[in-house]
PDB file of all heavy atoms in Angstrom:
ATOM      1  N   GLY A   1    -122.636  33.940  78.590  1.00  0.00           N
ATOM      2  CA  GLY A   1    -123.450  33.266  77.596  1.00  0.00           C
ATOM      3  C   GLY A   1    -123.359  33.968  76.255  1.00  0.00           C
ATOM      4  O   GLY A   1    -123.142  35.181  76.185  1.00  0.00           O
ATOM      5  N   GLU A   2    -123.537  33.192  75.183  1.00  0.00           N
ATOM      6  CA  GLU A   2    -123.540  33.752  73.841  1.00  0.00           C
ATOM      7  C   GLU A   2    -124.701  33.159  73.052  1.00  0.00           C
ATOM      8  O   GLU A   2    -124.975  31.959  73.136  1.00  0.00           O
ATOM      9  CB  GLU A   2    -122.218  33.475  73.112  1.00  0.00           C
ATOM     10  CG  GLU A   2    -121.024  34.127  73.784  1.00  0.00           C
ATOM     11  CD  GLU A   2    -119.711  33.877  73.053  1.00  0.00           C
ATOM     12  OE1 GLU A   2    -119.762  33.332  71.924  1.00  0.00           O
ATOM     13  OE2 GLU A   2    -118.651  34.221  73.615  1.00  0.00           O
ATOM     14  N   GLY A   3    -125.386  34.018  72.308  1.00  0.00           N
ATOM     15  CA  GLY A   3    -126.499  33.581  71.485  1.00  0.00           C
ATOM     16  C   GLY A   3    -126.543  34.402  70.214  1.00  0.00           C
ATOM     17  O   GLY A   3    -125.874  35.430  70.096  1.00  0.00           O
ATOM     18  N   ALA A   4    -127.348  33.970  69.261  1.00  0.00           N
ATOM     19  CA  ALA A   4    -127.341  34.654  67.968  1.00  0.00           C
ATOM     20  C   ALA A   4    -128.568  34.313  67.155  1.00  0.00           C
ATOM     21  O   ALA A   4    -129.281  33.340  67.437  1.00  0.00           O
ATOM     22  CB  ALA A   4    -126.092  34.268  67.174  1.00  0.00           C
ATOM     23  N   TYR A   5    -128.789  35.127  66.151  1.00  0.00           N
ATOM     24  CA  TYR A   5    -129.629  34.744  65.020  1.00  0.00           C
ATOM     25  C   TYR A   5    -128.793  35.041  63.785  1.00  0.00           C
ATOM     26  O   TYR A   5    -128.728  36.169  63.300  1.00  0.00           O
ATOM     27  CB  TYR A   5    -130.938  35.518  64.987  1.00  0.00           C
ATOM     28  CG  TYR A   5    -131.864  35.064  63.870  1.00  0.00           C
ATOM     29  CD1 TYR A   5    -132.467  33.812  63.930  1.00  0.00           C
ATOM     30  CD2 TYR A   5    -132.106  35.870  62.773  1.00  0.00           C
ATOM     31  CE1 TYR A   5    -133.306  33.376  62.917  1.00  0.00           C
ATOM     32  CE2 TYR A   5    -132.956  35.450  61.757  1.00  0.00           C
ATOM     33  CZ  TYR A   5    -133.547  34.207  61.832  1.00  0.00           C
ATOM     34  OH  TYR A   5    -134.378  33.775  60.818  1.00  0.00           O
ATOM     35  N   ILE A   6    -128.108  34.013  63.306  1.00  0.00           N
ATOM     36  CA  ILE A   6    -127.290  34.101  62.095  1.00  0.00           C
ATOM     37  C   ILE A   6    -127.958  33.210  61.064  1.00  0.00           C
ATOM     38  O   ILE A   6    -127.956  31.978  61.190  1.00  0.00           O
ATOM     39  CB  ILE A   6    -125.838  33.669  62.368  1.00  0.00           C
ATOM     40  CG1 ILE A   6    -125.193  34.622  63.384  1.00  0.00           C
ATOM     41  CG2 ILE A   6    -125.026  33.627  61.078  1.00  0.00           C
ATOM     42  CD1 ILE A   6    -123.835  34.171  63.887  1.00  0.00           C
ATOM     43  N   HIS A   7    -128.585  33.837  60.083  1.00  0.00           N
ATOM     44  CA  HIS A   7    -129.433  33.091  59.149  1.00  0.00           C
ATOM     45  C   HIS A   7    -129.469  33.861  57.825  1.00  0.00           C
ATOM     46  O   HIS A   7    -130.014  34.962  57.763  1.00  0.00           O
ATOM     47  CB  HIS A   7    -130.840  32.959  59.725  1.00  0.00           C
ATOM     48  CG  HIS A   7    -131.724  32.020  58.962  1.00  0.00           C
ATOM     49  ND1 HIS A   7    -133.057  31.837  59.278  1.00  0.00           N
ATOM     50  CD2 HIS A   7    -131.481  31.218  57.903  1.00  0.00           C
ATOM     51  CE1 HIS A   7    -133.580  30.957  58.448  1.00  0.00           C
ATOM     52  NE2 HIS A   7    -132.652  30.561  57.603  1.00  0.00           N
ATOM     53  N   ASP A   8    -128.893  33.285  56.808  1.00  0.00           N
ATOM     54  CA  ASP A   8    -128.890  33.933  55.494  1.00  0.00           C
ATOM     55  C   ASP A   8    -130.311  33.908  54.932  1.00  0.00           C
ATOM     56  O   ASP A   8    -130.804  32.878  54.484  1.00  0.00           O
ATOM     57  CB  ASP A   8    -127.934  33.196  54.563  1.00  0.00           C
ATOM     58  CG  ASP A   8    -127.810  33.851  53.190  1.00  0.00           C
ATOM     59  OD1 ASP A   8    -128.437  34.914  52.981  1.00  0.00           O
ATOM     60  OD2 ASP A   8    -127.105  33.297  52.329  1.00  0.00           O
ATOM     61  N   LEU A   9    -130.977  35.073  54.937  1.00  0.00           N
ATOM     62  CA  LEU A   9    -132.373  35.168  54.511  1.00  0.00           C
ATOM     63  C   LEU A   9    -132.522  35.634  53.065  1.00  0.00           C
ATOM     64  O   LEU A   9    -133.608  36.083  52.671  1.00  0.00           O
ATOM     65  CB  LEU A   9    -133.132  36.140  55.425  1.00  0.00           C
ATOM     66  CG  LEU A   9    -133.304  35.727  56.884  1.00  0.00           C
ATOM     67  CD1 LEU A   9    -134.088  36.792  57.637  1.00  0.00           C
ATOM     68  CD2 LEU A   9    -134.022  34.379  56.991  1.00  0.00           C
ATOM     69  N   ASP A  10    -131.471  35.517  52.268  1.00  0.00           N
ATOM     70  CA  ASP A  10    -131.512  36.036  50.900  1.00  0.00           C
ATOM     71  C   ASP A  10    -132.730  35.512  50.138  1.00  0.00           C
ATOM     72  O   ASP A  10    -133.446  36.285  49.494  1.00  0.00           O
ATOM     73  CB  ASP A  10    -130.226  35.663  50.168  1.00  0.00           C
ATOM     74  CG  ASP A  10    -130.157  36.265  48.777  1.00  0.00           C
ATOM     75  OD1 ASP A  10    -129.712  37.419  48.649  1.00  0.00           O
ATOM     76  OD2 ASP A  10    -130.563  35.583  47.809  1.00  0.00           O
ATOM     77  N   TYR A  11    -132.966  34.228  50.205  1.00  0.00           N
ATOM     78  CA  TYR A  11    -134.096  33.642  49.457  1.00  0.00           C
ATOM     79  C   TYR A  11    -135.422  34.246  49.902  1.00  0.00           C
ATOM     80  O   TYR A  11    -136.265  34.616  49.088  1.00  0.00           O
ATOM     81  CB  TYR A  11    -134.129  32.123  49.646  1.00  0.00           C
ATOM     82  CG  TYR A  11    -135.407  31.492  49.126  1.00  0.00           C
ATOM     83  CD1 TYR A  11    -135.582  31.258  47.764  1.00  0.00           C
ATOM     84  CD2 TYR A  11    -136.443  31.158  50.004  1.00  0.00           C
ATOM     85  CE1 TYR A  11    -136.759  30.698  47.286  1.00  0.00           C
ATOM     86  CE2 TYR A  11    -137.620  30.609  49.529  1.00  0.00           C
ATOM     87  CZ  TYR A  11    -137.779  30.380  48.166  1.00  0.00           C
ATOM     88  OH  TYR A  11    -138.944  29.843  47.710  1.00  0.00           O
ATOM     89  N   TRP A  12    -135.604  34.390  51.207  1.00  0.00           N
ATOM     90  CA  TRP A  12    -136.871  34.872  51.737  1.00  0.00           C
ATOM     91  C   TRP A  12    -137.033  36.374  51.518  1.00  0.00           C
ATOM     92  O   TRP A  12    -138.123  36.843  51.184  1.00  0.00           O
ATOM     93  CB  TRP A  12    -136.982  34.524  53.223  1.00  0.00           C
ATOM     94  CG  TRP A  12    -137.117  33.065  53.456  1.00  0.00           C
ATOM     95  CD1 TRP A  12    -138.254  32.317  53.483  1.00  0.00           C
ATOM     96  CD2 TRP A  12    -136.046  32.145  53.679  1.00  0.00           C
ATOM     97  NE1 TRP A  12    -137.980  30.989  53.704  1.00  0.00           N
ATOM     98  CE2 TRP A  12    -136.615  30.850  53.835  1.00  0.00           C
ATOM     99  CE3 TRP A  12    -134.651  32.271  53.756  1.00  0.00           C
ATOM    100  CZ2 TRP A  12    -135.856  29.710  54.075  1.00  0.00           C
ATOM    101  CZ3 TRP A  12    -133.895  31.130  53.985  1.00  0.00           C
ATOM    102  CH2 TRP A  12    -134.487  29.879  54.143  1.00  0.00           C
ATOM    103  N   LEU A  13    -135.966  37.127  51.706  1.00  0.00           N
ATOM    104  CA  LEU A  13    -136.059  38.573  51.539  1.00  0.00           C
ATOM    105  C   LEU A  13    -136.408  38.962  50.112  1.00  0.00           C
ATOM    106  O   LEU A  13    -137.103  39.958  49.872  1.00  0.00           O
ATOM    107  CB  LEU A  13    -134.741  39.239  51.937  1.00  0.00           C
ATOM    108  CG  LEU A  13    -134.394  39.246  53.427  1.00  0.00           C
ATOM    109  CD1 LEU A  13    -132.998  39.831  53.639  1.00  0.00           C
ATOM    110  CD2 LEU A  13    -135.420  40.045  54.223  1.00  0.00           C
ATOM    111  N   PHE A  14    -135.945  38.165  49.151  1.00  0.00           N
ATOM    112  CA  PHE A  14    -136.181  38.497  47.746  1.00  0.00           C
ATOM    113  C   PHE A  14    -137.281  37.636  47.114  1.00  0.00           C
ATOM    114  O   PHE A  14    -137.448  37.632  45.896  1.00  0.00           O
ATOM    115  CB  PHE A  14    -134.872  38.373  46.959  1.00  0.00           C
ATOM    116  CG  PHE A  14    -133.874  39.430  47.321  1.00  0.00           C
ATOM    117  CD1 PHE A  14    -132.840  39.162  48.201  1.00  0.00           C
ATOM    118  CD2 PHE A  14    -133.984  40.713  46.810  1.00  0.00           C
ATOM    119  CE1 PHE A  14    -131.924  40.140  48.548  1.00  0.00           C
ATOM    120  CE2 PHE A  14    -133.077  41.704  47.155  1.00  0.00           C
ATOM    121  CZ  PHE A  14    -132.046  41.419  48.028  1.00  0.00           C
ATOM    122  N   ASN A  15    -138.034  36.937  47.952  1.00  0.00           N
ATOM    123  CA  ASN A  15    -139.177  36.149  47.473  1.00  0.00           C
ATOM    124  C   ASN A  15    -140.368  37.098  47.360  1.00  0.00           C
ATOM    125  O   ASN A  15    -141.158  37.256  48.285  1.00  0.00           O
ATOM    126  CB  ASN A  15    -139.463  35.010  48.446  1.00  0.00           C
ATOM    127  CG  ASN A  15    -140.547  34.072  47.950  1.00  0.00           C
ATOM    128  OD1 ASN A  15    -141.238  34.359  46.975  1.00  0.00           O
ATOM    129  ND2 ASN A  15    -140.695  32.959  48.642  1.00  0.00           N
ATOM    130  N   LYS A  16    -140.488  37.744  46.239  1.00  0.00           N
ATOM    131  CA  LYS A  16    -141.448  38.842  46.077  1.00  0.00           C
ATOM    132  C   LYS A  16    -142.873  38.314  45.933  1.00  0.00           C
ATOM    133  O   LYS A  16    -143.102  37.174  45.520  1.00  0.00           O
ATOM    134  CB  LYS A  16    -141.092  39.689  44.864  1.00  0.00           C
ATOM    135  CG  LYS A  16    -141.370  39.006  43.526  1.00  0.00           C
ATOM    136  CD  LYS A  16    -141.178  39.977  42.375  1.00  0.00           C
ATOM    137  CE  LYS A  16    -141.644  39.345  41.058  1.00  0.00           C
ATOM    138  NZ  LYS A  16    -141.550  40.277  39.937  1.00  0.00           N
ATOM    139  N   PRO A  17    -143.865  39.145  46.259  1.00  0.00           N
ATOM    140  CA  PRO A  17    -145.265  38.778  46.049  1.00  0.00           C
ATOM    141  C   PRO A  17    -145.565  38.584  44.564  1.00  0.00           C
ATOM    142  O   PRO A  17    -144.965  39.221  43.701  1.00  0.00           O
ATOM    143  CB  PRO A  17    -146.037  39.973  46.610  1.00  0.00           C
ATOM    144  CG  PRO A  17    -145.078  40.658  47.513  1.00  0.00           C
ATOM    145  CD  PRO A  17    -143.722  40.439  46.910  1.00  0.00           C
ATOM    146  N   LYS A  18    -146.531  37.729  44.301  1.00  0.00           N
ATOM    147  CA  LYS A  18    -146.890  37.432  42.916  1.00  0.00           C
ATOM    148  C   LYS A  18    -148.147  38.156  42.471  1.00  0.00           C
ATOM    149  O   LYS A  18    -148.473  38.173  41.291  1.00  0.00           O
ATOM    150  CB  LYS A  18    -147.081  35.928  42.747  1.00  0.00           C
ATOM    151  CG  LYS A  18    -145.823  35.107  43.021  1.00  0.00           C
ATOM    152  CD  LYS A  18    -146.089  33.626  42.869  1.00  0.00           C
ATOM    153  CE  LYS A  18    -144.815  32.808  43.109  1.00  0.00           C
ATOM    154  NZ  LYS A  18    -144.298  32.954  44.471  1.00  0.00           N
ATOM    155  N   ASP A  19    -148.887  38.751  43.421  1.00  0.00           N
ATOM    156  CA  ASP A  19    -150.101  39.454  43.035  1.00  0.00           C
ATOM    157  C   ASP A  19    -149.953  40.956  43.258  1.00  0.00           C
ATOM    158  O   ASP A  19    -149.036  41.422  43.939  1.00  0.00           O
ATOM    159  CB  ASP A  19    -151.323  38.913  43.781  1.00  0.00           C
ATOM    160  CG  ASP A  19    -151.242  39.127  45.286  1.00  0.00           C
ATOM    161  OD1 ASP A  19    -150.326  39.835  45.751  1.00  0.00           O
ATOM    162  OD2 ASP A  19    -152.092  38.580  46.003  1.00  0.00           O
ATOM    163  N   GLU A  20    -150.840  41.719  42.688  1.00  0.00           N
ATOM    164  CA  GLU A  20    -150.747  43.176  42.749  1.00  0.00           C
ATOM    165  C   GLU A  20    -150.944  43.723  44.157  1.00  0.00           C
ATOM    166  O   GLU A  20    -150.458  44.800  44.500  1.00  0.00           O
ATOM    167  CB  GLU A  20    -151.778  43.798  41.802  1.00  0.00           C
ATOM    168  CG  GLU A  20    -151.486  43.536  40.324  1.00  0.00           C
ATOM    169  CD  GLU A  20    -152.496  44.210  39.416  1.00  0.00           C
ATOM    170  OE1 GLU A  20    -153.443  44.833  39.945  1.00  0.00           O
ATOM    171  OE2 GLU A  20    -152.347  44.105  38.185  1.00  0.00           O
ATOM    172  N   LYS A  21    -151.676  42.990  45.008  1.00  0.00           N
ATOM    173  CA  LYS A  21    -151.922  43.442  46.372  1.00  0.00           C
ATOM    174  C   LYS A  21    -150.746  43.144  47.298  1.00  0.00           C
ATOM    175  O   LYS A  21    -150.787  43.468  48.474  1.00  0.00           O
ATOM    176  CB  LYS A  21    -153.197  42.793  46.912  1.00  0.00           C
ATOM    177  CG  LYS A  21    -154.461  43.219  46.182  1.00  0.00           C
ATOM    178  CD  LYS A  21    -155.688  42.569  46.799  1.00  0.00           C
ATOM    179  CE  LYS A  21    -156.962  42.996  46.093  1.00  0.00           C
ATOM    180  NZ  LYS A  21    -158.169  42.358  46.682  1.00  0.00           N
ATOM    181  N   MET A  22    -149.724  42.482  46.751  1.00  0.00           N
ATOM    182  CA  MET A  22    -148.527  42.122  47.540  1.00  0.00           C
ATOM    183  C   MET A  22    -148.905  41.281  48.752  1.00  0.00           C
ATOM    184  O   MET A  22    -148.363  41.440  49.843  1.00  0.00           O
ATOM    185  CB  MET A  22    -147.764  43.376  47.980  1.00  0.00           C
ATOM    186  CG  MET A  22    -147.221  44.199  46.826  1.00  0.00           C
ATOM    187  SD  MET A  22    -146.276  45.632  47.384  1.00  0.00           S
ATOM    188  CE  MET A  22    -144.847  44.827  48.108  1.00  0.00           C
ATOM    189  N   SER A  23    -149.858  40.380  48.571  1.00  0.00           N
ATOM    190  CA  SER A  23    -150.401  39.640  49.704  1.00  0.00           C
ATOM    191  C   SER A  23    -149.797  38.255  49.872  1.00  0.00           C
ATOM    192  O   SER A  23    -150.133  37.549  50.817  1.00  0.00           O
ATOM    193  CB  SER A  23    -151.922  39.505  49.556  1.00  0.00           C
ATOM    194  OG  SER A  23    -152.249  38.775  48.380  1.00  0.00           O
ATOM    195  N   ASP A  24    -148.919  37.846  48.948  1.00  0.00           N
ATOM    196  CA  ASP A  24    -148.263  36.561  49.147  1.00  0.00           C
ATOM    197  C   ASP A  24    -146.752  36.797  49.216  1.00  0.00           C
ATOM    198  O   ASP A  24    -146.303  37.854  49.627  1.00  0.00           O
ATOM    199  CB  ASP A  24    -148.660  35.572  48.042  1.00  0.00           C
ATOM    200  CG  ASP A  24    -148.299  36.090  46.643  1.00  0.00           C
ATOM    201  OD1 ASP A  24    -147.777  37.213  46.539  1.00  0.00           O
ATOM    202  OD2 ASP A  24    -148.553  35.364  45.670  1.00  0.00           O
ATOM    203  N   GLY A  25    -145.968  35.825  48.803  1.00  0.00           N
ATOM    204  CA  GLY A  25    -144.521  35.950  48.987  1.00  0.00           C
ATOM    205  C   GLY A  25    -144.132  35.551  50.398  1.00  0.00           C
ATOM    206  O   GLY A  25    -144.985  35.288  51.249  1.00  0.00           O
ATOM    207  N   ALA A  26    -142.842  35.506  50.644  1.00  0.00           N
ATOM    208  CA  ALA A  26    -142.380  35.076  51.965  1.00  0.00           C
ATOM    209  C   ALA A  26    -142.806  36.055  53.053  1.00  0.00           C
ATOM    210  O   ALA A  26    -143.178  35.653  54.152  1.00  0.00           O
ATOM    211  CB  ALA A  26    -140.865  34.915  51.956  1.00  0.00           C
ATOM    212  N   TYR A  27    -142.732  37.359  52.751  1.00  0.00           N
ATOM    213  CA  TYR A  27    -143.118  38.388  53.720  1.00  0.00           C
ATOM    214  C   TYR A  27    -144.131  39.315  53.048  1.00  0.00           C
ATOM    215  O   TYR A  27    -143.788  40.061  52.126  1.00  0.00           O
ATOM    216  CB  TYR A  27    -141.891  39.190  54.183  1.00  0.00           C
ATOM    217  CG  TYR A  27    -140.842  38.345  54.874  1.00  0.00           C
ATOM    218  CD1 TYR A  27    -139.609  38.100  54.272  1.00  0.00           C
ATOM    219  CD2 TYR A  27    -141.084  37.788  56.127  1.00  0.00           C
ATOM    220  CE1 TYR A  27    -138.645  37.324  54.900  1.00  0.00           C
ATOM    221  CE2 TYR A  27    -140.125  37.012  56.760  1.00  0.00           C
ATOM    222  CZ  TYR A  27    -138.915  36.781  56.146  1.00  0.00           C
ATOM    223  OH  TYR A  27    -137.965  36.018  56.775  1.00  0.00           O
ATOM    224  N   THR A  28    -145.372  39.256  53.503  1.00  0.00           N
ATOM    225  CA  THR A  28    -146.439  40.050  52.905  1.00  0.00           C
ATOM    226  C   THR A  28    -146.041  41.518  52.809  1.00  0.00           C
ATOM    227  O   THR A  28    -145.565  42.109  53.779  1.00  0.00           O
ATOM    228  CB  THR A  28    -147.728  39.914  53.744  1.00  0.00           C
ATOM    229  OG1 THR A  28    -148.081  38.530  53.804  1.00  0.00           O
ATOM    230  CG2 THR A  28    -148.866  40.687  53.110  1.00  0.00           C
ATOM    231  N   LYS A  29    -146.230  42.086  51.623  1.00  0.00           N
ATOM    232  CA  LYS A  29    -145.894  43.493  51.350  1.00  0.00           C
ATOM    233  C   LYS A  29    -144.414  43.797  51.571  1.00  0.00           C
ATOM    234  O   LYS A  29    -144.025  44.937  51.777  1.00  0.00           O
ATOM    235  CB  LYS A  29    -146.763  44.438  52.181  1.00  0.00           C
ATOM    236  CG  LYS A  29    -148.265  44.308  51.898  1.00  0.00           C
ATOM    237  CD  LYS A  29    -149.050  45.303  52.729  1.00  0.00           C
ATOM    238  CE  LYS A  29    -150.541  45.156  52.447  1.00  0.00           C
ATOM    239  NZ  LYS A  29    -151.332  46.127  53.254  1.00  0.00           N
ATOM    240  N   MET A  30    -143.582  42.716  51.546  1.00  0.00           N
ATOM    241  CA  MET A  30    -142.127  42.876  51.686  1.00  0.00           C
ATOM    242  C   MET A  30    -141.741  43.533  53.011  1.00  0.00           C
ATOM    243  O   MET A  30    -140.726  44.236  53.123  1.00  0.00           O
ATOM    244  CB  MET A  30    -141.555  43.693  50.522  1.00  0.00           C
ATOM    245  CG  MET A  30    -141.791  43.082  49.159  1.00  0.00           C
ATOM    246  SD  MET A  30    -140.906  41.522  48.894  1.00  0.00           S
ATOM    247  CE  MET A  30    -139.220  42.091  48.741  1.00  0.00           C
ATOM    248  N   TRP A  31    -142.513  43.277  54.061  1.00  0.00           N
ATOM    249  CA  TRP A  31    -142.307  44.001  55.315  1.00  0.00           C
ATOM    250  C   TRP A  31    -140.928  43.751  55.919  1.00  0.00           C
ATOM    251  O   TRP A  31    -140.323  44.645  56.515  1.00  0.00           O
ATOM    252  CB  TRP A  31    -143.403  43.656  56.324  1.00  0.00           C
ATOM    253  CG  TRP A  31    -143.431  42.249  56.820  1.00  0.00           C
ATOM    254  CD1 TRP A  31    -144.173  41.217  56.328  1.00  0.00           C
ATOM    255  CD2 TRP A  31    -142.715  41.703  57.934  1.00  0.00           C
ATOM    256  NE1 TRP A  31    -143.947  40.060  57.036  1.00  0.00           N
ATOM    257  CE2 TRP A  31    -143.064  40.338  58.037  1.00  0.00           C
ATOM    258  CE3 TRP A  31    -141.813  42.243  58.851  1.00  0.00           C
ATOM    259  CZ2 TRP A  31    -142.537  39.502  59.021  1.00  0.00           C
ATOM    260  CZ3 TRP A  31    -141.283  41.406  59.835  1.00  0.00           C
ATOM    261  CH2 TRP A  31    -141.644  40.053  59.914  1.00  0.00           C
ATOM    262  N   ARG A  32    -140.393  42.552  55.756  1.00  0.00           N
ATOM    263  CA  ARG A  32    -139.099  42.253  56.386  1.00  0.00           C
ATOM    264  C   ARG A  32    -137.971  43.033  55.717  1.00  0.00           C
ATOM    265  O   ARG A  32    -136.999  43.418  56.378  1.00  0.00           O
ATOM    266  CB  ARG A  32    -138.831  40.746  56.331  1.00  0.00           C
ATOM    267  CG  ARG A  32    -137.596  40.274  57.119  1.00  0.00           C
ATOM    268  CD  ARG A  32    -137.896  40.057  58.569  1.00  0.00           C
ATOM    269  NE  ARG A  32    -136.755  39.570  59.324  1.00  0.00           N
ATOM    270  CZ  ARG A  32    -136.675  38.375  59.930  1.00  0.00           C
ATOM    271  NH1 ARG A  32    -137.683  37.538  59.840  1.00  0.00           N
ATOM    272  NH2 ARG A  32    -135.627  38.031  60.631  1.00  0.00           N
ATOM    273  N   MET A  33    -138.086  43.261  54.405  1.00  0.00           N
ATOM    274  CA  MET A  33    -137.072  44.061  53.732  1.00  0.00           C
ATOM    275  C   MET A  33    -137.050  45.485  54.290  1.00  0.00           C
ATOM    276  O   MET A  33    -135.993  46.058  54.538  1.00  0.00           O
ATOM    277  CB  MET A  33    -137.318  44.101  52.228  1.00  0.00           C
ATOM    278  CG  MET A  33    -136.242  44.849  51.452  1.00  0.00           C
ATOM    279  SD  MET A  33    -134.644  44.014  51.424  1.00  0.00           S
ATOM    280  CE  MET A  33    -134.915  42.912  50.026  1.00  0.00           C
ATOM    281  N   TYR A  34    -138.223  46.049  54.495  1.00  0.00           N
ATOM    282  CA  TYR A  34    -138.291  47.399  55.051  1.00  0.00           C
ATOM    283  C   TYR A  34    -137.703  47.448  56.468  1.00  0.00           C
ATOM    284  O   TYR A  34    -137.088  48.447  56.856  1.00  0.00           O
ATOM    285  CB  TYR A  34    -139.738  47.896  55.064  1.00  0.00           C
ATOM    286  CG  TYR A  34    -140.272  48.245  53.694  1.00  0.00           C
ATOM    287  CD1 TYR A  34    -141.172  47.406  53.051  1.00  0.00           C
ATOM    288  CD2 TYR A  34    -139.866  49.403  53.034  1.00  0.00           C
ATOM    289  CE1 TYR A  34    -141.662  47.713  51.785  1.00  0.00           C
ATOM    290  CE2 TYR A  34    -140.348  49.719  51.769  1.00  0.00           C
ATOM    291  CZ  TYR A  34    -141.248  48.868  51.148  1.00  0.00           C
ATOM    292  OH  TYR A  34    -141.722  49.181  49.900  1.00  0.00           O
ATOM    293  N   GLU A  35    -137.883  46.384  57.237  1.00  0.00           N
ATOM    294  CA  GLU A  35    -137.322  46.359  58.593  1.00  0.00           C
ATOM    295  C   GLU A  35    -135.797  46.421  58.567  1.00  0.00           C
ATOM    296  O   GLU A  35    -135.171  46.866  59.527  1.00  0.00           O
ATOM    297  CB  GLU A  35    -137.780  45.110  59.342  1.00  0.00           C
ATOM    298  CG  GLU A  35    -139.271  45.050  59.667  1.00  0.00           C
ATOM    299  CD  GLU A  35    -139.676  46.013  60.770  1.00  0.00           C
ATOM    300  OE1 GLU A  35    -138.794  46.646  61.385  1.00  0.00           O
ATOM    301  OE2 GLU A  35    -140.898  46.126  61.016  1.00  0.00           O
ATOM    302  N   ASN A  36    -135.201  45.971  57.466  1.00  0.00           N
ATOM    303  CA  ASN A  36    -133.737  45.985  57.372  1.00  0.00           C
ATOM    304  C   ASN A  36    -133.165  47.375  57.145  1.00  0.00           C
ATOM    305  O   ASN A  36    -131.941  47.542  57.071  1.00  0.00           O
ATOM    306  CB  ASN A  36    -133.271  45.036  56.261  1.00  0.00           C
ATOM    307  CG  ASN A  36    -133.239  43.593  56.716  1.00  0.00           C
ATOM    308  OD1 ASN A  36    -132.868  43.290  57.844  1.00  0.00           O
ATOM    309  ND2 ASN A  36    -133.665  42.697  55.846  1.00  0.00           N
ATOM    310  N   GLU A  37    -134.024  48.381  57.047  1.00  0.00           N
ATOM    311  CA  GLU A  37    -133.525  49.752  56.989  1.00  0.00           C
ATOM    312  C   GLU A  37    -133.173  50.281  58.378  1.00  0.00           C
ATOM    313  O   GLU A  37    -132.596  51.363  58.509  1.00  0.00           O
ATOM    314  CB  GLU A  37    -134.576  50.657  56.352  1.00  0.00           C
ATOM    315  CG  GLU A  37    -134.859  50.353  54.889  1.00  0.00           C
ATOM    316  CD  GLU A  37    -135.902  51.284  54.301  1.00  0.00           C
ATOM    317  OE1 GLU A  37    -135.722  52.511  54.407  1.00  0.00           O
ATOM    318  OE2 GLU A  37    -136.922  50.787  53.763  1.00  0.00           O
ATOM    319  N   ARG A  38    -133.502  49.525  59.404  1.00  0.00           N
ATOM    320  CA  ARG A  38    -133.273  49.973  60.779  1.00  0.00           C
ATOM    321  C   ARG A  38    -131.901  49.527  61.256  1.00  0.00           C
ATOM    322  O   ARG A  38    -131.569  48.331  61.195  1.00  0.00           O
ATOM    323  CB  ARG A  38    -134.364  49.409  61.687  1.00  0.00           C
ATOM    324  CG  ARG A  38    -134.384  50.034  63.065  1.00  0.00           C
ATOM    325  CD  ARG A  38    -135.603  49.588  63.837  1.00  0.00           C
ATOM    326  NE  ARG A  38    -135.676  50.283  65.115  1.00  0.00           N
ATOM    327  CZ  ARG A  38    -136.581  50.027  66.048  1.00  0.00           C
ATOM    328  NH1 ARG A  38    -137.511  49.113  65.835  1.00  0.00           N
ATOM    329  NH2 ARG A  38    -136.568  50.698  67.189  1.00  0.00           N
ATOM    330  N   MET A  39    -131.105  50.449  61.744  1.00  0.00           N
ATOM    331  CA  MET A  39    -129.749  50.131  62.199  1.00  0.00           C
ATOM    332  C   MET A  39    -129.800  49.633  63.637  1.00  0.00           C
ATOM    333  O   MET A  39    -129.474  50.345  64.596  1.00  0.00           O
ATOM    334  CB  MET A  39    -128.845  51.360  62.081  1.00  0.00           C
ATOM    335  CG  MET A  39    -128.800  51.944  60.680  1.00  0.00           C
ATOM    336  SD  MET A  39    -128.191  50.743  59.474  1.00  0.00           S
ATOM    337  CE  MET A  39    -129.064  51.277  58.002  1.00  0.00           C
TER     338      MET A  39
END
């Protein structure tokens, strides 16, 4: 069997919060970007 998650997330990863608390945007506090530091 073969499976995947192949999904260009450029728009979502760089959809930054609009308020100072970083509470909106695609990923609150940019958490998904930080997860991409994991190999």
